[in-house]
Amino acid sequence: MQARRIDRNIVWVLVGGFSLTILLLIGAGFMGMQARDDIERSHASLRERHRHITRVIDEIQNEEAGLNNLFYAIVAAPAGRNDALLLARLAGIEQNVRMTLAAARQSSGPAPWVGVTAAAENFMVEVRRVLEEPGESGDGHEERLYHTHEALVTALSTLVSTAETRMVEESQRDEQNGKDRIARAGMLLAIGVVSAFLCAIATIGIALHMFRRSEWQARELARLSAHVLETQEQILRRFSHELHDELGQTLTAIEANLAALPAADTEAALRKEDSVLLVKDAIGTVRELSQLLRPSTLDDFGLASSLQWLAESVAQRTQINIEPKLAFEGRLQGDVETHLFRIAQEALTNVVRHSGATSATVSLFEDNGRLRLAVADNGRGLPVGRSASSGGGSGASGGGFGLIGMRERMRAAGGLLRVQSGGGAGGSGVTVIAEVPLHASSTV
């Protein structure tokens, strides 16, 4: 139940957390692109308005230049001026000014152009009055003409200054809006990065917890496996002892009693002889089973002698030529010797049952501080696609319960197990190699 809850937690962290992170990053990217597009559009619109206002102001200033010419023509030579010609020029300038101002008010609103429109109308009215009423011209007319002209120049200067100020303000406002959008996009990006970092930390923490749990389960499984193997060996040792000592001695006593019985007649003698032979066969079978379950030579004389006996007994039963190559005569810890003997026993059993081999070798030798046991045959080898090598207790694929038991024994002994194709005559067959460190396994 706890394992399923942890699995659900990591799934929620991975799916929910990283989905949120992806959405935040997508949102940040979308906002950044939108901010870029808005800034470009704002700049384009601002440039267009600036060009339009500049063009209108230029046109107004051109018309204002015509009005200035009229003003100077009136003021500079009041006696010799041609009022009819000046009125015609004024009419054309009035029409152009009114059209330009009307277009400007329609495109950008009336507010910026109120002062200029009023000043231009006042000035043009005053010029027309001076030209149409020349007899009444005097200091009062000239004073009003000067004032209206000055008001027109001031209004145009104010318009230009206001337009420039508005353009700068709009540019700064658009720039600030773009910065605000980019800042929000950056904030979303930072939140996405932080979210990804937190999700990664949570995932790593859950994964570490799962790894620790797996390691604990592996240790518990190894302890259970070692306990099962130890219990199995104790049962086999006791069963072997019971067969050899109890049942064997009972059969020996029965044989002695049968031999001591007198034969009353020929038929009784034949029956007694047949019974003695049956008991002797049973004694031999019991001794053989006792040795197979737990050879007494393993406890009395060590691993090398037990492997010698094992090779000879298997060769005798199966007619397979098994050659022992035993170059190590030392003693190891009892459980290590038992594990190596059982591995050799299982490997030879596999040779007999599955390999179709005609010969095999059992080797035991020391190599760079490690004791190596190798059982090789010249049989058909491993099936294609099966794993051919694994470390002790690694759980790699390759082999049934026999190989699994070998790996568990090597795990318990602190060694390594490798199963390799080849090793027999002509490079065929299978080689089972078990290695244990001598410094931790040998006894005095």
Protein backbone atom coordinates (compact mmCIF):
# COMPACT_ATOMS: atom_id res chain seq x y z
CA MET A 1 0.00 0.00 0.00
CA GLN A 2 2.80 2.43 0.86
CA ALA A 3 4.61 1.58 -2.37
CA ARG A 4 1.49 2.32 -4.42
CA ARG A 5 1.02 5.61 -2.55
CA ILE A 6 4.62 6.62 -3.30
CA ASP A 7 4.19 5.64 -6.94
CA ARG A 8 1.05 7.78 -7.14
CA ASN A 9 2.90 10.69 -5.51
CA ILE A 10 5.72 10.62 -8.01
CA VAL A 11 3.22 10.35 -10.88
CA TRP A 12 1.35 13.40 -9.56
CA VAL A 13 4.59 15.32 -9.14
CA LEU A 14 5.80 14.44 -12.61
CA VAL A 15 2.48 15.00 -14.40
CA GLY A 16 1.11 17.93 -12.39
CA GLY A 17 4.33 19.77 -11.62
CA PHE A 18 5.93 19.52 -15.01
CA SER A 19 2.61 20.23 -16.78
CA LEU A 20 2.31 23.44 -14.74
CA THR A 21 5.92 24.28 -15.56
CA ILE A 22 5.34 23.72 -19.26
CA LEU A 23 2.19 25.88 -19.17
CA LEU A 24 4.07 28.66 -17.38
CA LEU A 25 6.91 28.54 -19.88
CA ILE A 26 4.45 28.55 -22.79
CA GLY A 27 2.61 31.50 -21.19
CA ALA A 28 5.88 33.36 -20.69
CA GLY A 29 6.87 32.75 -24.28
CA PHE A 30 3.46 33.82 -25.56
CA MET A 31 3.50 37.00 -23.47
CA GLY A 32 7.02 37.78 -24.63
CA MET A 33 6.07 37.37 -28.27
CA GLN A 34 2.88 39.40 -27.75
CA ALA A 35 4.85 42.15 -26.01
CA ARG A 36 7.31 42.23 -28.90
CA ASP A 37 4.47 42.45 -31.45
CA ASP A 38 2.68 45.15 -29.45
CA ILE A 39 5.87 47.19 -29.15
CA GLU A 40 6.47 46.92 -32.88
CA ARG A 41 2.86 47.91 -33.65
CA SER A 42 3.02 50.82 -31.19
CA HIS A 43 6.26 52.07 -32.65
CA ALA A 44 4.86 51.77 -36.16
CA SER A 45 1.67 53.63 -35.16
CA LEU A 46 3.67 56.26 -33.29
CA ARG A 47 5.93 56.80 -36.30
CA GLU A 48 2.89 57.12 -38.57
CA ARG A 49 1.24 59.68 -36.27
CA HIS A 50 4.50 61.55 -35.99
CA ARG A 51 4.84 61.70 -39.77
CA HIS A 52 1.22 62.84 -40.14
CA ILE A 53 1.46 65.55 -37.49
CA THR A 54 4.80 66.68 -38.86
CA ARG A 55 3.32 66.91 -42.35
CA VAL A 56 0.30 68.88 -41.09
CA ILE A 57 2.52 71.21 -39.07
CA ASP A 58 4.72 71.72 -42.10
CA GLU A 59 1.65 72.59 -44.17
CA ILE A 60 0.39 74.97 -41.46
CA GLN A 61 3.83 76.55 -41.25
CA ASN A 62 3.89 76.97 -45.05
CA GLU A 63 0.50 78.68 -44.90
CA GLU A 64 1.74 80.71 -41.94
CA ALA A 65 4.68 81.77 -44.09
CA GLY A 66 2.19 83.06 -46.70
CA LEU A 67 0.37 84.97 -43.96
CA ASN A 68 3.69 86.38 -42.78
CA ASN A 69 4.39 87.60 -46.32
CA LEU A 70 1.01 89.31 -46.35
CA PHE A 71 1.74 90.79 -42.94
CA TYR A 72 5.08 92.20 -44.00
CA ALA A 73 3.61 93.46 -47.30
CA ILE A 74 0.95 95.36 -45.36
CA VAL A 75 3.28 96.69 -42.70
CA ALA A 76 6.35 97.47 -44.83
CA ALA A 77 4.70 99.45 -47.71
CA PRO A 78 1.25 100.59 -46.70
CA ALA A 79 1.16 103.41 -49.33
CA GLY A 80 2.08 101.50 -52.52
CA ARG A 81 0.51 98.14 -51.87
CA ASN A 82 -2.00 96.45 -54.16
CA ASP A 83 -4.85 95.61 -51.83
CA ALA A 84 -6.88 93.69 -54.43
CA LEU A 85 -3.94 91.40 -55.17
CA LEU A 86 -3.28 90.92 -51.47
CA LEU A 87 -6.96 90.09 -50.87
CA ALA A 88 -6.85 87.47 -53.60
CA ARG A 89 -3.74 85.95 -52.01
CA LEU A 90 -5.46 86.09 -48.63
CA ALA A 91 -8.50 84.24 -49.97
CA GLY A 92 -6.33 81.43 -51.30
CA ILE A 93 -4.35 81.24 -48.08
CA GLU A 94 -7.58 81.23 -46.01
CA GLN A 95 -8.97 78.32 -48.02
CA ASN A 96 -5.75 76.28 -47.67
CA VAL A 97 -5.43 77.04 -43.94
CA ARG A 98 -9.04 76.06 -43.22
CA MET A 99 -8.73 72.80 -45.25
CA THR A 100 -5.46 71.89 -43.53
CA LEU A 101 -6.84 72.62 -40.06
CA ALA A 102 -10.05 70.70 -40.78
CA ALA A 103 -8.06 67.64 -41.92
CA ALA A 104 -5.81 67.93 -38.86
CA ARG A 105 -8.81 68.13 -36.47
CA GLN A 106 -10.45 65.13 -38.15
CA SER A 107 -7.33 62.91 -37.95
CA SER A 108 -5.98 63.74 -34.51
CA GLY A 109 -8.89 65.38 -32.69
CA PRO A 110 -9.79 69.05 -32.29
CA ALA A 111 -8.06 69.70 -28.97
CA PRO A 112 -4.46 70.31 -30.18
CA TRP A 113 -5.61 72.62 -32.97
CA VAL A 114 -8.01 74.96 -31.10
CA GLY A 115 -5.41 77.61 -30.33
CA VAL A 116 -3.87 77.58 -33.80
CA THR A 117 -7.30 77.69 -35.48
CA ALA A 118 -8.45 80.65 -33.36
CA ALA A 119 -5.15 82.51 -33.83
CA ALA A 120 -5.17 81.91 -37.60
CA GLU A 121 -8.82 83.04 -37.92
CA ASN A 122 -8.18 86.19 -35.86
CA PHE A 123 -5.09 87.06 -37.87
CA MET A 124 -6.80 86.45 -41.22
CA VAL A 125 -9.83 88.50 -40.10
CA GLU A 126 -7.57 91.35 -39.04
CA VAL A 127 -5.61 91.23 -42.34
CA ARG A 128 -8.86 91.25 -44.34
CA ARG A 129 -10.08 94.22 -42.31
CA VAL A 130 -6.89 96.16 -42.98
CA LEU A 131 -7.07 95.42 -46.71
CA GLU A 132 -10.81 96.05 -47.11
CA GLU A 133 -10.85 99.25 -45.00
CA PRO A 134 -7.63 101.02 -45.95
CA GLY A 135 -8.98 104.47 -45.05
CA GLU A 136 -9.56 103.44 -41.46
CA SER A 137 -6.14 101.98 -40.94
CA GLY A 138 -4.17 103.50 -38.15
CA ASP A 139 -2.29 102.77 -35.07
CA GLY A 140 -5.22 100.75 -33.66
CA HIS A 141 -5.45 98.47 -36.73
CA GLU A 142 -1.70 98.00 -36.90
CA GLU A 143 -1.58 97.27 -33.15
CA ARG A 144 -4.27 94.59 -33.47
CA LEU A 145 -2.52 93.19 -36.56
CA TYR A 146 0.76 92.94 -34.65
CA HIS A 147 -0.97 91.25 -31.71
CA THR A 148 -2.86 88.74 -33.84
CA HIS A 149 0.30 87.93 -35.79
CA GLU A 150 2.25 87.42 -32.58
CA ALA A 151 -0.59 85.25 -31.23
CA LEU A 152 -0.48 83.11 -34.41
CA VAL A 153 3.30 82.64 -34.16
CA THR A 154 2.98 81.77 -30.45
CA ALA A 155 0.16 79.29 -31.15
CA LEU A 156 2.22 77.58 -33.86
CA SER A 157 5.26 77.39 -31.56
CA THR A 158 3.08 75.98 -28.78
CA LEU A 159 1.60 73.44 -31.21
CA VAL A 160 5.03 72.28 -32.34
CA SER A 161 6.29 72.07 -28.76
CA THR A 162 3.15 70.27 -27.59
CA ALA A 163 3.34 67.83 -30.49
CA GLU A 164 6.95 67.00 -29.71
CA THR A 165 6.16 66.60 -26.02
CA ARG A 166 3.20 64.34 -26.78
CA MET A 167 5.32 62.24 -29.11
CA VAL A 168 8.01 61.84 -26.45
CA GLU A 169 5.40 60.98 -23.80
CA GLU A 170 3.68 58.45 -26.04
CA SER A 171 7.03 56.90 -26.93
CA GLN A 172 7.98 56.64 -23.26
CA ARG A 173 4.54 55.24 -22.40
CA ASP A 174 4.78 52.60 -25.13
CA GLU A 175 8.30 51.76 -24.04
CA GLN A 176 7.16 51.42 -20.42
CA ASN A 177 4.24 49.21 -21.46
CA GLY A 178 6.63 47.01 -23.41
CA LYS A 179 8.94 46.80 -20.40
CA ASP A 180 6.00 45.89 -18.16
CA ARG A 181 4.93 43.11 -20.54
CA ILE A 182 8.47 41.79 -20.78
CA ALA A 183 8.77 41.95 -16.97
CA ARG A 184 5.57 39.91 -16.60
CA ALA A 185 6.84 37.42 -19.15
CA GLY A 186 10.14 37.22 -17.28
CA MET A 187 8.26 36.71 -14.01
CA LEU A 188 6.31 33.83 -15.53
CA LEU A 189 9.56 32.39 -16.88
CA ALA A 190 11.18 32.67 -13.45
CA ILE A 191 8.15 31.01 -11.82
CA GLY A 192 8.35 28.22 -14.43
CA VAL A 193 12.06 27.70 -13.75
CA VAL A 194 11.50 27.67 -9.98
CA SER A 195 8.57 25.27 -10.45
CA ALA A 196 10.73 22.98 -12.59
CA PHE A 197 13.49 23.13 -9.96
CA LEU A 198 11.05 22.30 -7.14
CA CYS A 199 9.52 19.47 -9.17
CA ALA A 200 12.98 18.12 -9.91
CA ILE A 201 13.89 18.24 -6.21
CA ALA A 202 10.62 16.52 -5.25
CA THR A 203 11.13 13.88 -7.94
CA ILE A 204 14.71 13.26 -6.84
CA GLY A 205 13.59 12.99 -3.21
CA ILE A 206 10.85 10.49 -4.05
CA ALA A 207 13.21 8.56 -6.32
CA LEU A 208 15.86 8.42 -3.57
CA HIS A 209 13.22 7.18 -1.15
CA MET A 210 12.22 4.50 -3.65
CA PHE A 211 15.87 3.54 -4.20
CA ARG A 212 16.44 3.29 -0.45
CA ARG A 213 13.30 1.20 -0.15
CA SER A 214 14.48 -1.04 -3.00
CA GLU A 215 17.89 -1.41 -1.37
CA TRP A 216 16.26 -2.27 1.93
CA GLN A 217 14.05 -4.83 0.20
CA ALA A 218 17.10 -6.26 -1.59
CA ARG A 219 18.94 -6.57 1.73
CA GLU A 220 15.95 -8.20 3.35
CA LEU A 221 15.60 -10.55 0.39
CA ALA A 222 19.29 -11.40 0.59
CA ARG A 223 18.95 -12.10 4.32
CA LEU A 224 15.89 -14.25 3.69
CA SER A 225 17.66 -16.08 0.86
CA ALA A 226 20.72 -16.70 3.01
CA HIS A 227 18.51 -17.93 5.82
CA VAL A 228 16.64 -20.25 3.44
CA LEU A 229 19.92 -21.62 2.07
CA GLU A 230 21.30 -22.11 5.57
CA THR A 231 18.10 -23.83 6.69
CA GLN A 232 18.17 -26.00 3.59
CA GLU A 233 21.74 -27.06 4.28
CA GLN A 234 20.92 -27.82 7.89
CA ILE A 235 17.99 -29.98 6.82
CA LEU A 236 20.11 -31.75 4.20
CA ARG A 237 22.92 -32.30 6.71
CA ARG A 238 20.49 -33.70 9.27
CA PHE A 239 18.72 -35.83 6.69
CA SER A 240 22.08 -37.12 5.40
CA HIS A 241 23.12 -37.88 8.97
CA GLU A 242 19.86 -39.69 9.67
CA LEU A 243 20.17 -41.74 6.49
CA HIS A 244 23.79 -42.64 7.06
CA ASP A 245 23.83 -43.19 10.79
CA GLU A 246 20.30 -44.24 11.69
CA LEU A 247 18.87 -45.98 8.65
CA GLY A 248 22.26 -47.23 7.53
CA GLN A 249 23.03 -48.73 10.91
CA THR A 250 19.55 -50.27 11.09
CA LEU A 251 20.02 -51.92 7.72
CA THR A 252 23.48 -53.11 8.74
CA ALA A 253 21.99 -54.70 11.87
CA ILE A 254 19.28 -56.35 9.80
CA GLU A 255 21.98 -57.71 7.48
CA ALA A 256 23.90 -59.12 10.45
CA ASN A 257 20.76 -60.72 11.88
CA LEU A 258 19.90 -62.28 8.55
CA ALA A 259 23.41 -63.65 8.19
CA ALA A 260 23.17 -65.21 11.66
CA LEU A 261 19.92 -67.01 10.98
CA PRO A 262 20.34 -70.77 10.39
CA ALA A 263 19.11 -72.17 7.10
CA ALA A 264 16.62 -74.98 7.69
CA ASP A 265 16.60 -76.12 4.11
CA THR A 266 17.73 -75.12 0.65
CA GLU A 267 14.76 -72.84 -0.01
CA ALA A 268 15.28 -71.04 3.29
CA ALA A 269 18.98 -70.61 2.48
CA LEU A 270 18.13 -69.09 -0.90
CA ARG A 271 15.60 -66.73 0.67
CA LYS A 272 18.12 -65.71 3.34
CA GLU A 273 20.80 -65.05 0.73
CA ASP A 274 18.38 -63.02 -1.40
CA SER A 275 17.30 -60.97 1.65
CA VAL A 276 20.96 -60.26 2.54
CA LEU A 277 21.62 -59.05 -1.01
CA LEU A 278 18.56 -56.79 -0.91
CA VAL A 279 19.66 -55.30 2.38
CA LYS A 280 23.17 -54.71 1.00
CA ASP A 281 21.68 -52.93 -2.02
CA ALA A 282 19.55 -50.80 0.31
CA ILE A 283 22.63 -49.95 2.40
CA GLY A 284 24.49 -48.86 -0.77
CA THR A 285 21.54 -46.78 -1.90
CA VAL A 286 21.27 -45.12 1.51
CA ARG A 287 24.98 -44.32 1.53
CA GLU A 288 24.79 -42.89 -2.01
CA LEU A 289 21.77 -40.75 -1.12
CA SER A 290 23.52 -39.60 2.04
CA GLN A 291 26.56 -38.53 0.05
CA LEU A 292 24.46 -36.75 -2.54
CA LEU A 293 22.52 -34.87 0.11
CA ARG A 294 25.58 -33.84 2.08
CA PRO A 295 28.93 -35.53 1.34
CA SER A 296 30.85 -36.23 4.49
CA THR A 297 34.10 -35.44 2.63
CA LEU A 298 33.01 -31.77 2.44
CA ASP A 299 33.08 -31.45 6.22
CA ASP A 300 36.01 -33.82 6.78
CA PHE A 301 38.44 -33.10 3.92
CA GLY A 302 37.34 -29.85 2.27
CA LEU A 303 36.16 -28.58 -1.09
CA ALA A 304 38.79 -30.11 -3.38
CA SER A 305 38.18 -33.67 -2.17
CA SER A 306 34.41 -33.17 -2.42
CA LEU A 307 34.71 -31.92 -6.01
CA GLN A 308 36.92 -34.92 -6.83
CA TRP A 309 34.29 -37.29 -5.45
CA LEU A 310 31.47 -35.36 -7.22
CA ALA A 311 33.21 -35.52 -10.62
CA GLU A 312 33.93 -39.24 -10.28
CA SER A 313 30.42 -40.11 -9.10
CA VAL A 314 28.70 -38.12 -11.87
CA ALA A 315 31.02 -39.62 -14.49
CA GLN A 316 30.31 -43.08 -13.16
CA ARG A 317 26.54 -42.59 -13.26
CA THR A 318 26.27 -40.83 -16.63
CA GLN A 319 29.22 -42.10 -18.70
CA ILE A 320 30.23 -38.45 -19.36
CA ASN A 321 33.98 -37.90 -19.26
CA ILE A 322 34.42 -35.40 -16.40
CA GLU A 323 37.99 -34.28 -15.74
CA PRO A 324 38.73 -32.64 -12.38
CA LYS A 325 41.50 -29.99 -12.38
CA LEU A 326 41.91 -29.14 -8.72
CA ALA A 327 44.89 -26.89 -7.94
CA PHE A 328 43.71 -25.66 -4.53
CA GLU A 329 43.94 -27.74 -1.37
CA GLY A 330 43.21 -25.14 1.30
CA ARG A 331 40.14 -24.87 3.48
CA LEU A 332 37.48 -22.19 3.35
CA GLN A 333 34.72 -21.16 5.70
CA GLY A 334 32.06 -23.85 5.94
CA ASP A 335 29.28 -21.88 4.29
CA VAL A 336 31.57 -20.77 1.40
CA GLU A 337 32.69 -24.35 0.75
CA THR A 338 29.05 -25.45 0.80
CA HIS A 339 28.01 -22.75 -1.67
CA LEU A 340 30.82 -23.60 -4.11
CA PHE A 341 30.11 -27.32 -3.88
CA ARG A 342 26.39 -26.77 -4.52
CA ILE A 343 27.18 -24.56 -7.52
CA ALA A 344 29.40 -27.26 -8.99
CA GLN A 345 26.73 -29.87 -8.23
CA GLU A 346 24.01 -27.78 -9.95
CA ALA A 347 26.25 -27.02 -12.92
CA LEU A 348 27.03 -30.72 -13.47
CA THR A 349 23.33 -31.53 -13.10
CA ASN A 350 22.60 -29.03 -15.90
CA VAL A 351 25.35 -30.61 -18.02
CA VAL A 352 23.74 -34.03 -17.60
CA ARG A 353 20.15 -32.88 -18.17
CA HIS A 354 20.36 -30.17 -20.81
CA SER A 355 23.72 -29.85 -22.58
CA GLY A 356 24.06 -33.11 -24.51
CA ALA A 357 27.79 -32.94 -23.72
CA THR A 358 30.22 -35.83 -23.94
CA SER A 359 32.90 -34.30 -21.71
CA ALA A 360 33.28 -31.63 -19.04
CA THR A 361 35.92 -30.21 -16.72
CA VAL A 362 35.73 -29.08 -13.10
CA SER A 363 38.50 -26.58 -12.27
CA LEU A 364 39.43 -25.07 -8.92
CA PHE A 365 42.38 -22.67 -8.67
CA GLU A 366 43.57 -19.41 -7.15
CA ASP A 367 43.81 -16.31 -9.35
CA ASN A 368 44.97 -12.91 -8.00
CA GLY A 369 43.68 -13.42 -4.49
CA ARG A 370 40.41 -14.98 -5.61
CA LEU A 371 39.35 -18.60 -5.67
CA ARG A 372 37.80 -19.55 -9.01
CA LEU A 373 35.57 -22.54 -9.62
CA ALA A 374 34.79 -23.27 -13.29
CA VAL A 375 32.59 -25.99 -14.76
CA ALA A 376 32.82 -26.21 -18.58
CA ASP A 377 31.24 -28.63 -21.05
CA ASN A 378 31.29 -29.22 -24.81
CA GLY A 379 27.51 -29.33 -25.22
CA ARG A 380 25.13 -27.30 -27.37
CA GLY A 381 25.60 -24.02 -25.45
CA LEU A 382 23.16 -21.32 -24.44
CA PRO A 383 20.09 -20.53 -26.57
CA VAL A 384 20.36 -17.48 -28.82
CA GLY A 385 19.19 -14.28 -27.09
CA ARG A 386 19.81 -15.48 -23.53
CA SER A 387 22.05 -13.43 -21.31
CA ALA A 388 25.37 -15.15 -20.99
CA SER A 389 26.91 -13.38 -18.05
CA SER A 390 25.78 -11.88 -14.80
CA GLY A 391 27.20 -10.77 -11.51
CA GLY A 392 26.43 -12.57 -8.31
CA GLY A 393 22.85 -11.95 -7.40
CA SER A 394 22.39 -9.42 -10.14
CA GLY A 395 19.11 -10.89 -11.25
CA ALA A 396 20.09 -10.70 -14.92
CA SER A 397 18.13 -12.79 -17.30
CA GLY A 398 19.46 -16.15 -18.31
CA GLY A 399 18.66 -19.47 -16.70
CA GLY A 400 15.89 -20.93 -14.61
CA PHE A 401 15.75 -21.63 -10.92
CA GLY A 402 19.11 -23.44 -11.00
CA LEU A 403 21.01 -20.35 -12.13
CA ILE A 404 18.95 -18.18 -9.79
CA GLY A 405 20.00 -20.41 -6.90
CA MET A 406 23.66 -20.18 -8.00
CA ARG A 407 23.47 -16.38 -8.01
CA GLU A 408 21.86 -16.31 -4.60
CA ARG A 409 24.60 -18.55 -3.23
CA MET A 410 27.28 -16.26 -4.67
CA ARG A 411 25.48 -13.25 -3.23
CA ALA A 412 25.50 -14.92 0.19
CA ALA A 413 29.21 -15.83 -0.20
CA GLY A 414 30.16 -12.31 -1.32
CA GLY A 415 31.35 -13.52 -4.72
CA LEU A 416 30.51 -13.30 -8.42
CA LEU A 417 28.88 -15.73 -10.83
CA ARG A 418 29.35 -15.66 -14.61
CA VAL A 419 27.71 -17.93 -17.18
CA GLN A 420 29.46 -17.80 -20.56
CA SER A 421 28.94 -19.49 -23.91
CA GLY A 422 31.93 -21.51 -25.08
CA GLY A 423 34.71 -23.05 -23.07
CA GLY A 424 34.33 -26.62 -24.28
CA ALA A 425 36.00 -28.40 -27.17
CA GLY A 426 35.79 -26.36 -30.37
CA GLY A 427 34.46 -23.29 -28.51
CA SER A 428 31.05 -24.86 -27.88
CA GLY A 429 29.22 -25.53 -24.63
CA VAL A 430 28.77 -23.46 -21.50
CA THR A 431 31.16 -22.36 -18.77
CA VAL A 432 29.92 -21.57 -15.27
CA ILE A 433 32.47 -19.53 -13.27
CA ALA A 434 32.13 -18.76 -9.56
CA GLU A 435 34.67 -16.52 -7.80
CA VAL A 436 35.07 -15.66 -4.12
CA PRO A 437 37.76 -13.56 -2.40
CA LEU A 438 40.21 -15.76 -0.54
CA HIS A 439 41.14 -13.25 2.16
CA ALA A 440 37.57 -13.21 3.46
CA SER A 441 36.79 -16.91 2.94
CA SER A 442 39.85 -18.89 3.96
CA THR A 443 40.34 -20.45 7.43
CA VAL A 444 43.47 -21.20 9.38
